[in-house]
PDB file of N, CA and C in Angstrom:
ATOM      1  N   UNK A   1      77.306 116.043  96.955  1.00  0.00           N
ATOM      2  CA  UNK A   1      77.368 116.576  96.357  1.00  0.00           C
ATOM      3  C   UNK A   1      78.869 117.248  97.513  1.00  0.00           C
ATOM      4  N   UNK A   2      80.237 117.618  96.522  1.00  0.00           N
ATOM      5  CA  UNK A   2      81.479 117.828  96.901  1.00  0.00           C
ATOM      6  C   UNK A   2      81.135 119.572  97.246  1.00  0.00           C
ATOM      7  N   UNK A   3      81.275 119.876  98.896  1.00  0.00           N
ATOM      8  CA  UNK A   3      81.449 121.099  99.142  1.00  0.00           C
ATOM      9  C   UNK A   3      83.558 121.560  99.185  1.00  0.00           C
ATOM     10  N   UNK A   4      83.259 122.862  99.350  1.00  0.00           N
ATOM     11  CA  UNK A   4      84.567 123.428  99.968  1.00  0.00           C
ATOM     12  C   UNK A   4      84.960 122.904 100.898  1.00  0.00           C
ATOM     13  N   UNK A   5      84.729 122.861 101.718  1.00  0.00           N
ATOM     14  CA  UNK A   5      84.924 122.351 102.904  1.00  0.00           C
ATOM     15  C   UNK A   5      85.372 121.010 103.082  1.00  0.00           C
ATOM     16  N   UNK A   6      84.466 120.117 102.435  1.00  0.00           N
ATOM     17  CA  UNK A   6      84.848 118.701 101.875  1.00  0.00           C
ATOM     18  C   UNK A   6      86.035 118.191 101.371  1.00  0.00           C
ATOM     19  N   UNK A   7      86.591 119.201  99.940  1.00  0.00           N
ATOM     20  CA  UNK A   7      87.405 119.147  99.516  1.00  0.00           C
ATOM     21  C   UNK A   7      88.623 119.424 100.185  1.00  0.00           C
ATOM     22  N   UNK A   8      88.646 120.570 101.113  1.00  0.00           N
ATOM     23  CA  UNK A   8      90.007 121.262 101.541  1.00  0.00           C
ATOM     24  C   UNK A   8      90.223 120.249 102.216  1.00  0.00           C
ATOM     25  N   UNK A   9      89.206 119.608 103.093  1.00  0.00           N
ATOM     26  CA  UNK A   9      88.954 118.528 104.015  1.00  0.00           C
ATOM     27  C   UNK A   9      90.351 117.413 103.614  1.00  0.00           C
ATOM     28  N   UNK A  10      90.074 117.208 102.565  1.00  0.00           N
ATOM     29  CA  UNK A  10      90.656 115.634 101.951  1.00  0.00           C
ATOM     30  C   UNK A  10      91.957 116.073 101.540  1.00  0.00           C
ATOM     31  N   UNK A  11      91.827 117.429 101.154  1.00  0.00           N
ATOM     32  CA  UNK A  11      93.064 117.841 100.392  1.00  0.00           C
ATOM     33  C   UNK A  11      94.371 117.820 101.308  1.00  0.00           C
ATOM     34  N   UNK A  12      94.259 118.755 102.605  1.00  0.00           N
ATOM     35  CA  UNK A  12      95.024 119.204 103.163  1.00  0.00           C
ATOM     36  C   UNK A  12      95.972 118.060 104.043  1.00  0.00           C
ATOM     37  N   UNK A  13      96.927 117.955 104.363  1.00  0.00           N
ATOM     38  CA  UNK A  13      97.445 116.788 105.111  1.00  0.00           C
ATOM     39  C   UNK A  13      98.108 117.146 106.215  1.00  0.00           C
ATOM     40  N   UNK A  14      98.563 119.118 106.658  1.00  0.00           N
ATOM     41  CA  UNK A  14      99.086 118.950 108.158  1.00  0.00           C
ATOM     42  C   UNK A  14      98.335 120.568 107.901  1.00  0.00           C
ATOM     43  N   UNK A  15      98.566 121.153 109.311  1.00  0.00           N
ATOM     44  CA  UNK A  15      98.095 122.447 110.268  1.00  0.00           C
ATOM     45  C   UNK A  15      98.848 122.842 110.892  1.00  0.00           C
ATOM     46  N   UNK A  16      99.693 123.533 110.638  1.00  0.00           N
ATOM     47  CA  UNK A  16     100.742 124.448 111.884  1.00  0.00           C
ATOM     48  C   UNK A  16     100.130 125.611 112.455  1.00  0.00           C
ATOM     49  N   UNK A  17     100.433 125.943 113.548  1.00  0.00           N
ATOM     50  CA  UNK A  17     100.366 127.272 113.827  1.00  0.00           C
ATOM     51  C   UNK A  17     101.315 127.994 114.643  1.00  0.00           C
ATOM     52  N   UNK A  18     101.615 128.886 114.896  1.00  0.00           N
ATOM     53  CA  UNK A  18     102.778 129.236 115.928  1.00  0.00           C
ATOM     54  C   UNK A  18     102.012 129.625 117.450  1.00  0.00           C
ATOM     55  N   UNK A  19     103.005 130.086 118.272  1.00  0.00           N
ATOM     56  CA  UNK A  19     102.073 129.312 119.421  1.00  0.00           C
ATOM     57  C   UNK A  19     101.915 130.211 119.784  1.00  0.00           C
ATOM     58  N   UNK A  20     101.688 132.192 119.715  1.00  0.00           N
ATOM     59  CA  UNK A  20     100.580 132.899 119.559  1.00  0.00           C
ATOM     60  C   UNK A  20      99.022 132.922 118.761  1.00  0.00           C
ATOM     61  N   UNK A  21      99.667 131.964 118.096  1.00  0.00           N
ATOM     62  CA  UNK A  21      97.875 131.735 117.195  1.00  0.00           C
ATOM     63  C   UNK A  21      97.764 132.652 115.808  1.00  0.00           C
ATOM     64  N   UNK A  22      99.005 133.899 115.607  1.00  0.00           N
ATOM     65  CA  UNK A  22      98.691 134.856 115.177  1.00  0.00           C
ATOM     66  C   UNK A  22      99.335 134.308 112.978  1.00  0.00           C
ATOM     67  N   UNK A  23      99.206 132.930 113.477  1.00  0.00           N
ATOM     68  CA  UNK A  23      99.918 132.493 111.847  1.00  0.00           C
ATOM     69  C   UNK A  23      99.769 131.109 111.773  1.00  0.00           C
ATOM     70  N   UNK A  24      99.464 130.696 110.289  1.00  0.00           N
ATOM     71  CA  UNK A  24      99.144 129.423 110.204  1.00  0.00           C
ATOM     72  C   UNK A  24      99.740 129.151 109.155  1.00  0.00           C
ATOM     73  N   UNK A  25      99.482 127.495 109.120  1.00  0.00           N
ATOM     74  CA  UNK A  25     100.099 127.331 107.303  1.00  0.00           C
ATOM     75  C   UNK A  25      99.024 126.120 107.622  1.00  0.00           C
ATOM     76  N   UNK A  26      98.340 125.661 106.334  1.00  0.00           N
ATOM     77  CA  UNK A  26      97.934 124.616 105.848  1.00  0.00           C
ATOM     78  C   UNK A  26      98.672 124.320 104.136  1.00  0.00           C
ATOM     79  N   UNK A  27      98.991 122.888 104.741  1.00  0.00           N
ATOM     80  CA  UNK A  27     100.063 122.194 103.228  1.00  0.00           C
ATOM     81  C   UNK A  27      98.849 121.301 102.900  1.00  0.00           C
ATOM     82  N   UNK A  28      99.074 121.214 101.572  1.00  0.00           N
ATOM     83  CA  UNK A  28      98.278 120.594 100.946  1.00  0.00           C
ATOM     84  C   UNK A  28      99.070 119.151 100.146  1.00  0.00           C
ATOM     85  N   UNK A  29      97.982 118.838  99.846  1.00  0.00           N
ATOM     86  CA  UNK A  29      98.412 117.300  98.782  1.00  0.00           C
ATOM     87  C   UNK A  29      99.416 117.532  97.637  1.00  0.00           C
ATOM     88  N   UNK A  30      99.195 118.932  97.171  1.00  0.00           N
ATOM     89  CA  UNK A  30     100.051 118.947  96.266  1.00  0.00           C
ATOM     90  C   UNK A  30     101.301 119.571  96.463  1.00  0.00           C
ATOM     91  N   UNK A  31     101.963 119.755  97.977  1.00  0.00           N
ATOM     92  CA  UNK A  31     103.003 120.676  98.054  1.00  0.00           C
ATOM     93  C   UNK A  31     102.518 121.897  98.427  1.00  0.00           C
ATOM     94  N   UNK A  32     101.307 122.384  98.121  1.00  0.00           N
ATOM     95  CA  UNK A  32     101.350 123.566  98.132  1.00  0.00           C
ATOM     96  C   UNK A  32     100.828 124.493  99.313  1.00  0.00           C
ATOM     97  N   UNK A  33     101.029 125.555 100.135  1.00  0.00           N
ATOM     98  CA  UNK A  33     100.243 126.133 100.969  1.00  0.00           C
ATOM     99  C   UNK A  33      99.499 126.964 101.241  1.00  0.00           C
ATOM    100  N   UNK A  34      98.629 126.818 102.208  1.00  0.00           N
ATOM    101  CA  UNK A  34      97.941 128.285 102.405  1.00  0.00           C
ATOM    102  C   UNK A  34      98.320 129.085 103.393  1.00  0.00           C
ATOM    103  N   UNK A  35      99.033 130.056 103.468  1.00  0.00           N
ATOM    104  CA  UNK A  35      99.367 130.714 104.855  1.00  0.00           C
ATOM    105  C   UNK A  35      98.341 131.865 105.407  1.00  0.00           C
ATOM    106  N   UNK A  36      98.468 131.750 106.616  1.00  0.00           N
ATOM    107  CA  UNK A  36      97.152 132.695 107.481  1.00  0.00           C
ATOM    108  C   UNK A  36      98.082 133.796 108.442  1.00  0.00           C
ATOM    109  N   UNK A  37      97.381 134.928 108.443  1.00  0.00           N
ATOM    110  CA  UNK A  37      97.531 135.987 109.571  1.00  0.00           C
ATOM    111  C   UNK A  37      96.790 136.448 110.556  1.00  0.00           C
ATOM    112  N   UNK A  38      96.683 136.761 111.284  1.00  0.00           N
ATOM    113  CA  UNK A  38      95.673 137.401 112.179  1.00  0.00           C
ATOM    114  C   UNK A  38      96.017 138.087 113.495  1.00  0.00           C
ATOM    115  N   UNK A  39      96.847 139.114 112.989  1.00  0.00           N
ATOM    116  CA  UNK A  39      97.145 139.677 114.422  1.00  0.00           C
ATOM    117  C   UNK A  39      96.876 140.862 115.117  1.00  0.00           C
ATOM    118  N   UNK A  40      96.041 141.470 114.437  1.00  0.00           N
ATOM    119  CA  UNK A  40      94.778 142.624 114.679  1.00  0.00           C
ATOM    120  C   UNK A  40      94.055 142.751 113.558  1.00  0.00           C
ATOM    121  N   UNK A  41      92.989 143.944 114.277  1.00  0.00           N
ATOM    122  CA  UNK A  41      91.844 144.053 112.924  1.00  0.00           C
ATOM    123  C   UNK A  41      92.523 144.667 111.561  1.00  0.00           C
ATOM    124  N   UNK A  42      93.763 145.036 111.491  1.00  0.00           N
ATOM    125  CA  UNK A  42      94.046 145.740 110.606  1.00  0.00           C
ATOM    126  C   UNK A  42      94.876 144.782 109.828  1.00  0.00           C
ATOM    127  N   UNK A  43      95.558 143.689 110.472  1.00  0.00           N
ATOM    128  CA  UNK A  43      96.590 142.580 109.829  1.00  0.00           C
ATOM    129  C   UNK A  43      95.542 140.988 109.687  1.00  0.00           C
ATOM    130  N   UNK A  44      95.166 141.147 108.948  1.00  0.00           N
ATOM    131  CA  UNK A  44      94.759 139.955 108.409  1.00  0.00           C
ATOM    132  C   UNK A  44      94.128 139.237 107.206  1.00  0.00           C
ATOM    133  N   UNK A  45      95.113 138.452 106.812  1.00  0.00           N
ATOM    134  CA  UNK A  45      95.148 137.510 105.536  1.00  0.00           C
ATOM    135  C   UNK A  45      95.356 136.273 105.123  1.00  0.00           C
ATOM    136  N   UNK A  46      95.019 135.794 104.032  1.00  0.00           N
ATOM    137  CA  UNK A  46      95.483 134.697 103.749  1.00  0.00           C
ATOM    138  C   UNK A  46      96.126 134.761 102.578  1.00  0.00           C
ATOM    139  N   UNK A  47      96.686 133.860 102.430  1.00  0.00           N
ATOM    140  CA  UNK A  47      97.759 133.925 100.803  1.00  0.00           C
ATOM    141  C   UNK A  47      98.147 132.364 100.509  1.00  0.00           C
ATOM    142  N   UNK A  48      97.725 132.141  99.767  1.00  0.00           N
ATOM    143  CA  UNK A  48      98.596 130.649  98.446  1.00  0.00           C
ATOM    144  C   UNK A  48      99.900 130.679  98.454  1.00  0.00           C
ATOM    145  N   UNK A  49     100.885 130.127  98.374  1.00  0.00           N
ATOM    146  CA  UNK A  49     102.074 129.647  98.130  1.00  0.00           C
ATOM    147  C   UNK A  49     102.231 130.160  96.428  1.00  0.00           C
ATOM    148  N   UNK A  50     101.329 129.503  95.775  1.00  0.00           N
ATOM    149  CA  UNK A  50     101.956 129.751  94.226  1.00  0.00           C
ATOM    150  C   UNK A  50      99.957 129.843  93.847  1.00  0.00           C
ATOM    151  N   UNK A  51     100.105 129.893  92.310  1.00  0.00           N
ATOM    152  CA  UNK A  51      98.905 130.156  91.381  1.00  0.00           C
ATOM    153  C   UNK A  51      98.650 128.675  90.938  1.00  0.00           C
ATOM    154  N   UNK A  52      97.253 128.371  90.402  1.00  0.00           N
ATOM    155  CA  UNK A  52      97.549 126.564  90.108  1.00  0.00           C
ATOM    156  C   UNK A  52      97.716 125.821  90.810  1.00  0.00           C
ATOM    157  N   UNK A  53      97.241 126.050  92.509  1.00  0.00           N
ATOM    158  CA  UNK A  53      97.104 124.666  93.209  1.00  0.00           C
ATOM    159  C   UNK A  53      96.805 124.696  93.632  1.00  0.00           C
ATOM    160  N   UNK A  54      96.775 123.423  94.414  1.00  0.00           N
ATOM    161  CA  UNK A  54      95.607 123.539  95.724  1.00  0.00           C
ATOM    162  C   UNK A  54      95.002 124.986  96.432  1.00  0.00           C
ATOM    163  N   UNK A  55      96.163 125.367  97.517  1.00  0.00           N
ATOM    164  CA  UNK A  55      96.243 125.697  98.367  1.00  0.00           C
ATOM    165  C   UNK A  55      95.260 127.439  97.290  1.00  0.00           C
ATOM    166  N   UNK A  56      95.997 127.561  96.297  1.00  0.00           N
ATOM    167  CA  UNK A  56      95.104 128.853  96.087  1.00  0.00           C
ATOM    168  C   UNK A  56      93.588 128.418  95.461  1.00  0.00           C
ATOM    169  N   UNK A  57      93.494 127.133  94.932  1.00  0.00           N
ATOM    170  CA  UNK A  57      91.775 126.838  94.870  1.00  0.00           C
ATOM    171  C   UNK A  57      90.449 127.448  96.038  1.00  0.00           C
ATOM    172  N   UNK A  58      91.853 126.956  97.645  1.00  0.00           N
ATOM    173  CA  UNK A  58      91.362 126.709  98.205  1.00  0.00           C
ATOM    174  C   UNK A  58      91.195 128.548  98.811  1.00  0.00           C
ATOM    175  N   UNK A  59      91.687 129.333  98.407  1.00  0.00           N
ATOM    176  CA  UNK A  59      92.047 130.637  98.996  1.00  0.00           C
ATOM    177  C   UNK A  59      90.735 131.596  98.754  1.00  0.00           C
ATOM    178  N   UNK A  60      91.064 131.021  97.482  1.00  0.00           N
ATOM    179  CA  UNK A  60      89.722 131.885  95.976  1.00  0.00           C
ATOM    180  C   UNK A  60      88.782 131.486  96.734  1.00  0.00           C
ATOM    181  N   UNK A  61      88.019 130.613  97.044  1.00  0.00           N
ATOM    182  CA  UNK A  61      87.214 129.804  97.533  1.00  0.00           C
ATOM    183  C   UNK A  61      86.342 130.420  99.120  1.00  0.00           C
ATOM    184  N   UNK A  62      88.117 130.927  99.495  1.00  0.00           N
ATOM    185  CA  UNK A  62      87.380 131.482 101.275  1.00  0.00           C
ATOM    186  C   UNK A  62      86.341 132.641 100.898  1.00  0.00           C
ATOM    187  N   UNK A  63      85.572 132.513 102.160  1.00  0.00           N
ATOM    188  CA  UNK A  63      84.887 133.689 102.251  1.00  0.00           C
ATOM    189  C   UNK A  63      85.488 134.745 103.709  1.00  0.00           C
ATOM    190  N   UNK A  64      85.894 134.048 104.636  1.00  0.00           N
ATOM    191  CA  UNK A  64      86.291 134.260 106.298  1.00  0.00           C
ATOM    192  C   UNK A  64      87.257 133.253 106.923  1.00  0.00           C
ATOM    193  N   UNK A  65      88.189 133.412 107.288  1.00  0.00           N
ATOM    194  CA  UNK A  65      88.422 132.495 108.258  1.00  0.00           C
ATOM    195  C   UNK A  65      88.910 133.093 110.207  1.00  0.00           C
ATOM    196  N   UNK A  66      88.491 132.032 110.442  1.00  0.00           N
ATOM    197  CA  UNK A  66      89.279 132.066 112.145  1.00  0.00           C
ATOM    198  C   UNK A  66      90.164 131.842 112.417  1.00  0.00           C
ATOM    199  N   UNK A  67      91.017 132.127 113.193  1.00  0.00           N
ATOM    200  CA  UNK A  67      92.421 131.792 113.764  1.00  0.00           C
ATOM    201  C   UNK A  67      92.128 131.943 115.152  1.00  0.00           C
ATOM    202  N   UNK A  68      92.752 130.964 116.034  1.00  0.00           N
ATOM    203  CA  UNK A  68      93.053 131.190 117.343  1.00  0.00           C
ATOM    204  C   UNK A  68      93.393 130.242 117.982  1.00  0.00           C
ATOM    205  N   UNK A  69      93.375 130.191 119.737  1.00  0.00           N
ATOM    206  CA  UNK A  69      93.860 129.005 120.375  1.00  0.00           C
ATOM    207  C   UNK A  69      93.453 127.494 120.009  1.00  0.00           C
ATOM    208  N   UNK A  70      91.792 127.320 119.654  1.00  0.00           N
ATOM    209  CA  UNK A  70      90.655 127.085 119.588  1.00  0.00           C
ATOM    210  C   UNK A  70      91.282 126.083 118.741  1.00  0.00           C
ATOM    211  N   UNK A  71      91.123 127.063 117.390  1.00  0.00           N
ATOM    212  CA  UNK A  71      90.925 126.187 115.885  1.00  0.00           C
ATOM    213  C   UNK A  71      91.500 126.863 114.525  1.00  0.00           C
ATOM    214  N   UNK A  72      91.148 126.627 113.666  1.00  0.00           N
ATOM    215  CA  UNK A  72      91.618 127.522 112.444  1.00  0.00           C
ATOM    216  C   UNK A  72      90.455 126.863 111.526  1.00  0.00           C
ATOM    217  N   UNK A  73      89.212 127.871 111.279  1.00  0.00           N
ATOM    218  CA  UNK A  73      88.375 127.701 110.749  1.00  0.00           C
ATOM    219  C   UNK A  73      88.340 128.261 109.989  1.00  0.00           C
ATOM    220  N   UNK A  74      87.878 127.541 108.991  1.00  0.00           N
ATOM    221  CA  UNK A  74      87.524 128.713 107.044  1.00  0.00           C
ATOM    222  C   UNK A  74      85.827 128.656 107.006  1.00  0.00           C
ATOM    223  N   UNK A  75      85.810 129.221 106.467  1.00  0.00           N
ATOM    224  CA  UNK A  75      84.338 129.637 105.621  1.00  0.00           C
ATOM    225  C   UNK A  75      84.118 129.616 104.471  1.00  0.00           C
ATOM    226  N   UNK A  76      83.970 128.914 103.894  1.00  0.00           N
ATOM    227  CA  UNK A  76      83.644 129.183 101.826  1.00  0.00           C
ATOM    228  C   UNK A  76      82.480 129.969 101.502  1.00  0.00           C
ATOM    229  N   UNK A  77      82.436 130.579 100.183  1.00  0.00           N
ATOM    230  CA  UNK A  77      81.268 130.791  99.700  1.00  0.00           C
ATOM    231  C   UNK A  77      80.268 130.414  99.461  1.00  0.00           C
ATOM    232  N   UNK A  78      80.585 128.731  99.342  1.00  0.00           N
ATOM    233  CA  UNK A  78      79.615 127.714  99.050  1.00  0.00           C
ATOM    234  C   UNK A  78      78.315 127.663 100.227  1.00  0.00           C
ATOM    235  N   UNK A  79      79.059 128.289 101.533  1.00  0.00           N
ATOM    236  CA  UNK A  79      78.126 128.110 102.920  1.00  0.00           C
ATOM    237  C   UNK A  79      78.839 127.214 103.655  1.00  0.00           C
ATOM    238  N   UNK A  80      79.703 126.429 103.407  1.00  0.00           N
ATOM    239  CA  UNK A  80      80.228 125.264 104.052  1.00  0.00           C
ATOM    240  C   UNK A  80      81.642 126.092 104.865  1.00  0.00           C
ATOM    241  N   UNK A  81      81.755 125.026 106.088  1.00  0.00           N
ATOM    242  CA  UNK A  81      82.463 125.265 106.374  1.00  0.00           C
ATOM    243  C   UNK A  81      84.061 124.105 106.941  1.00  0.00           C
ATOM    244  N   UNK A  82      84.878 124.401 107.307  1.00  0.00           N
ATOM    245  CA  UNK A  82      85.618 122.775 108.133  1.00  0.00           C
ATOM    246  C   UNK A  82      86.640 124.075 109.178  1.00  0.00           C
ATOM    247  N   UNK A  83      86.902 122.848 110.062  1.00  0.00           N
ATOM    248  CA  UNK A  83      88.232 123.399 110.824  1.00  0.00           C
ATOM    249  C   UNK A  83      89.278 122.128 111.573  1.00  0.00           C
ATOM    250  N   UNK A  84      89.951 122.951 111.580  1.00  0.00           N
ATOM    251  CA  UNK A  84      91.705 122.188 111.932  1.00  0.00           C
ATOM    252  C   UNK A  84      92.094 122.685 113.467  1.00  0.00           C
ATOM    253  N   UNK A  85      92.579 121.435 113.843  1.00  0.00           N
ATOM    254  CA  UNK A  85      93.197 121.636 115.099  1.00  0.00           C
ATOM    255  C   UNK A  85      94.195 121.899 115.182  1.00  0.00           C
ATOM    256  N   UNK A  86      95.328 122.382 116.159  1.00  0.00           N
ATOM    257  CA  UNK A  86      96.640 122.435 116.309  1.00  0.00           C
ATOM    258  C   UNK A  86      97.065 120.929 116.803  1.00  0.00           C
ATOM    259  N   UNK A  87      98.295 120.723 116.028  1.00  0.00           N
ATOM    260  CA  UNK A  87      98.888 119.968 116.821  1.00  0.00           C
ATOM    261  C   UNK A  87     100.351 120.137 117.771  1.00  0.00           C
ATOM    262  N   UNK A  88     100.962 119.441 118.004  1.00  0.00           N
ATOM    263  CA  UNK A  88     102.327 120.337 118.742  1.00  0.00           C
ATOM    264  C   UNK A  88     103.169 120.847 118.143  1.00  0.00           C
ATOM    265  N   UNK A  89     102.815 120.396 116.801  1.00  0.00           N
ATOM    266  CA  UNK A  89     104.546 121.221 116.120  1.00  0.00           C
ATOM    267  C   UNK A  89     104.284 122.410 116.496  1.00  0.00           C
ATOM    268  N   UNK A  90     105.801 123.363 116.224  1.00  0.00           N
ATOM    269  CA  UNK A  90     105.566 124.594 115.727  1.00  0.00           C
ATOM    270  C   UNK A  90     105.429 125.183 114.618  1.00  0.00           C
ATOM    271  N   UNK A  91     104.960 126.416 114.310  1.00  0.00           N
ATOM    272  CA  UNK A  91     105.463 127.118 112.912  1.00  0.00           C
ATOM    273  C   UNK A  91     106.739 127.312 112.722  1.00  0.00           C
ATOM    274  N   UNK A  92     108.109 127.386 113.703  1.00  0.00           N
ATOM    275  CA  UNK A  92     109.001 127.257 113.179  1.00  0.00           C
ATOM    276  C   UNK A  92     109.724 126.164 113.005  1.00  0.00           C
ATOM    277  N   UNK A  93     109.465 125.126 113.270  1.00  0.00           N
ATOM    278  CA  UNK A  93     109.517 123.635 112.552  1.00  0.00           C
ATOM    279  C   UNK A  93     109.448 123.453 111.681  1.00  0.00           C
ATOM    280  N   UNK A  94     108.206 123.832 111.309  1.00  0.00           N
ATOM    281  CA  UNK A  94     107.413 123.436 110.011  1.00  0.00           C
ATOM    282  C   UNK A  94     108.051 124.242 108.932  1.00  0.00           C
ATOM    283  N   UNK A  95     108.607 125.647 109.206  1.00  0.00           N
ATOM    284  CA  UNK A  95     108.923 126.473 108.044  1.00  0.00           C
ATOM    285  C   UNK A  95     110.933 126.013 108.118  1.00  0.00           C
ATOM    286  N   UNK A  96     111.629 125.603 108.722  1.00  0.00           N
ATOM    287  CA  UNK A  96     112.866 124.999 108.897  1.00  0.00           C
ATOM    288  C   UNK A  96     113.258 126.058 109.873  1.00  0.00           C
ATOM    289  N   UNK A  97     112.914 126.988 110.668  1.00  0.00           N
ATOM    290  CA  UNK A  97     113.428 127.334 111.059  1.00  0.00           C
ATOM    291  C   UNK A  97     113.987 127.161 112.713  1.00  0.00           C
ATOM    292  N   UNK A  98     113.451 126.389 113.207  1.00  0.00           N
ATOM    293  CA  UNK A  98     113.444 125.559 114.697  1.00  0.00           C
ATOM    294  C   UNK A  98     114.100 123.995 114.720  1.00  0.00           C
TER     295      UNK A  98
END
């Protein structure tokens, strides 16, 4: 039986976080992106780059996420979870700003 965590792990090709781990991006096999922000209790959100994409499907299945220097951990409504660990690439480089 496939879980949301298993599907997400199979569909994500890249994880990138900014140096302070307040923003992150997951890039999916269909080139869609799931954007995360968590800089305070008031500023915590996840948003897909477009509807009808793998990123949007993942976003719709999310219950909660944790973003910090250790990892990005996604918790899904089906009870599954998955972790992504930051590579050396910066968010500025991923978005074309660096």
